[in-house]
Amino acid sequence: KYPLACLDYLMSVYGEGLAVGYNIGCNHSGTVARSQLSAKAKSLNLQFYVGTFHGYALSGHQLIAW
């Protein structure tokens, strides 16, 4: 819950167009989509980014999404 609370704060402070670099951004984006923050994140166009080499750990369908 702590990462979601931090994200809620960041969205409140920085608003639309926020991009978050997170080493598990692929998983965390799903968590956000299933949380109460989903509508807020969508309306503010929140985006997650992961490191370049993180792609080696992802499967093919996950790479397309990222």
C-alpha atoms as a PDB file:
ATOM      1  CA  LYS A   1       0.000   0.000   0.000  1.00  0.00           C
ATOM      2  CA  TYR A   2       2.905   2.370   0.587  1.00  0.00           C
ATOM      3  CA  PRO A   3       3.844   2.603  -3.124  1.00  0.00           C
ATOM      4  CA  LEU A   4       0.213   3.394  -3.952  1.00  0.00           C
ATOM      5  CA  ALA A   5       0.110   6.124  -1.308  1.00  0.00           C
ATOM      6  CA  CYS A   6       3.318   7.626  -2.707  1.00  0.00           C
ATOM      7  CA  LEU A   7       1.932   7.471  -6.224  1.00  0.00           C
ATOM      8  CA  ASP A   8      -1.300   9.153  -5.140  1.00  0.00           C
ATOM      9  CA  TYR A   9       0.752  11.967  -3.601  1.00  0.00           C
ATOM     10  CA  LEU A  10       2.891  12.351  -6.736  1.00  0.00           C
ATOM     11  CA  MET A  11      -0.184  12.520  -8.953  1.00  0.00           C
ATOM     12  CA  SER A  12      -1.696  15.177  -6.679  1.00  0.00           C
ATOM     13  CA  VAL A  13       1.469  17.285  -6.718  1.00  0.00           C
ATOM     14  CA  TYR A  14       2.578  16.937 -10.360  1.00  0.00           C
ATOM     15  CA  GLY A  15      -0.739  16.315 -12.106  1.00  0.00           C
ATOM     16  CA  GLU A  16      -1.145  15.391 -15.747  1.00  0.00           C
ATOM     17  CA  GLY A  17       1.618  13.759 -17.763  1.00  0.00           C
ATOM     18  CA  LEU A  18       3.476  12.161 -14.846  1.00  0.00           C
ATOM     19  CA  ALA A  19       5.950   9.459 -15.861  1.00  0.00           C
ATOM     20  CA  VAL A  20       7.366   7.151 -13.193  1.00  0.00           C
ATOM     21  CA  GLY A  21      10.514   5.085 -13.631  1.00  0.00           C
ATOM     22  CA  TYR A  22      10.251   1.974 -11.486  1.00  0.00           C
ATOM     23  CA  ASN A  23      12.185  -1.277 -11.697  1.00  0.00           C
ATOM     24  CA  ILE A  24       8.923  -3.228 -11.409  1.00  0.00           C
ATOM     25  CA  GLY A  25       6.809  -0.739 -13.339  1.00  0.00           C
ATOM     26  CA  CYS A  26       5.344  -3.535 -15.447  1.00  0.00           C
ATOM     27  CA  ASN A  27       3.813  -5.191 -12.373  1.00  0.00           C
ATOM     28  CA  HIS A  28       3.021  -1.961 -10.577  1.00  0.00           C
ATOM     29  CA  SER A  29       1.031  -0.601 -13.513  1.00  0.00           C
ATOM     30  CA  GLY A  30      -1.295  -3.599 -13.156  1.00  0.00           C
ATOM     31  CA  THR A  31      -1.600  -2.992  -9.432  1.00  0.00           C
ATOM     32  CA  VAL A  32      -2.546   0.625 -10.079  1.00  0.00           C
ATOM     33  CA  ALA A  33      -5.078  -0.433 -12.721  1.00  0.00           C
ATOM     34  CA  ARG A  34      -6.805  -2.685 -10.175  1.00  0.00           C
ATOM     35  CA  SER A  35      -6.682  -0.139  -7.347  1.00  0.00           C
ATOM     36  CA  GLN A  36      -8.850   2.816  -6.389  1.00  0.00           C
ATOM     37  CA  LEU A  37      -6.285   5.030  -8.130  1.00  0.00           C
ATOM     38  CA  SER A  38      -7.141   3.608 -11.547  1.00  0.00           C
ATOM     39  CA  ALA A  39      -9.506   6.378 -12.666  1.00  0.00           C
ATOM     40  CA  LYS A  40      -7.181   9.106 -11.395  1.00  0.00           C
ATOM     41  CA  ALA A  41      -4.162   7.537 -13.114  1.00  0.00           C
ATOM     42  CA  LYS A  42      -6.033   7.244 -16.421  1.00  0.00           C
ATOM     43  CA  SER A  43      -7.378  10.789 -16.287  1.00  0.00           C
ATOM     44  CA  LEU A  44      -3.882  12.162 -15.602  1.00  0.00           C
ATOM     45  CA  ASN A  45      -2.289   9.970 -18.306  1.00  0.00           C
ATOM     46  CA  LEU A  46       0.110   8.316 -15.850  1.00  0.00           C
ATOM     47  CA  GLN A  47       2.876   6.286 -17.503  1.00  0.00           C
ATOM     48  CA  PHE A  48       5.377   3.803 -16.112  1.00  0.00           C
ATOM     49  CA  TYR A  49       8.859   3.124 -17.433  1.00  0.00           C
ATOM     50  CA  VAL A  50      11.289   0.324 -16.689  1.00  0.00           C
ATOM     51  CA  GLY A  51      15.020   0.027 -17.277  1.00  0.00           C
ATOM     52  CA  THR A  52      16.353  -1.147 -20.627  1.00  0.00           C
ATOM     53  CA  PHE A  53      17.639  -4.498 -19.417  1.00  0.00           C
ATOM     54  CA  HIS A  54      14.425  -5.298 -17.584  1.00  0.00           C
ATOM     55  CA  GLY A  55      13.027  -6.407 -20.954  1.00  0.00           C
ATOM     56  CA  TYR A  56      15.096  -9.586 -20.857  1.00  0.00           C
ATOM     57  CA  ALA A  57      12.984 -10.834 -17.953  1.00  0.00           C
ATOM     58  CA  LEU A  58       9.662 -10.185 -19.682  1.00  0.00           C
ATOM     59  CA  SER A  59       7.754 -12.534 -21.950  1.00  0.00           C
ATOM     60  CA  GLY A  60       6.827 -11.598 -25.513  1.00  0.00           C
ATOM     61  CA  HIS A  61       3.330 -10.264 -24.824  1.00  0.00           C
ATOM     62  CA  GLN A  62       4.663  -8.125 -21.973  1.00  0.00           C
ATOM     63  CA  LEU A  63       7.325  -6.620 -24.220  1.00  0.00           C
ATOM     64  CA  ILE A  64       4.680  -5.455 -26.673  1.00  0.00           C
ATOM     65  CA  ALA A  65       2.934  -3.565 -23.878  1.00  0.00           C
ATOM     66  CA  TRP A  66       6.214  -1.952 -22.856  1.00  0.00           C
END
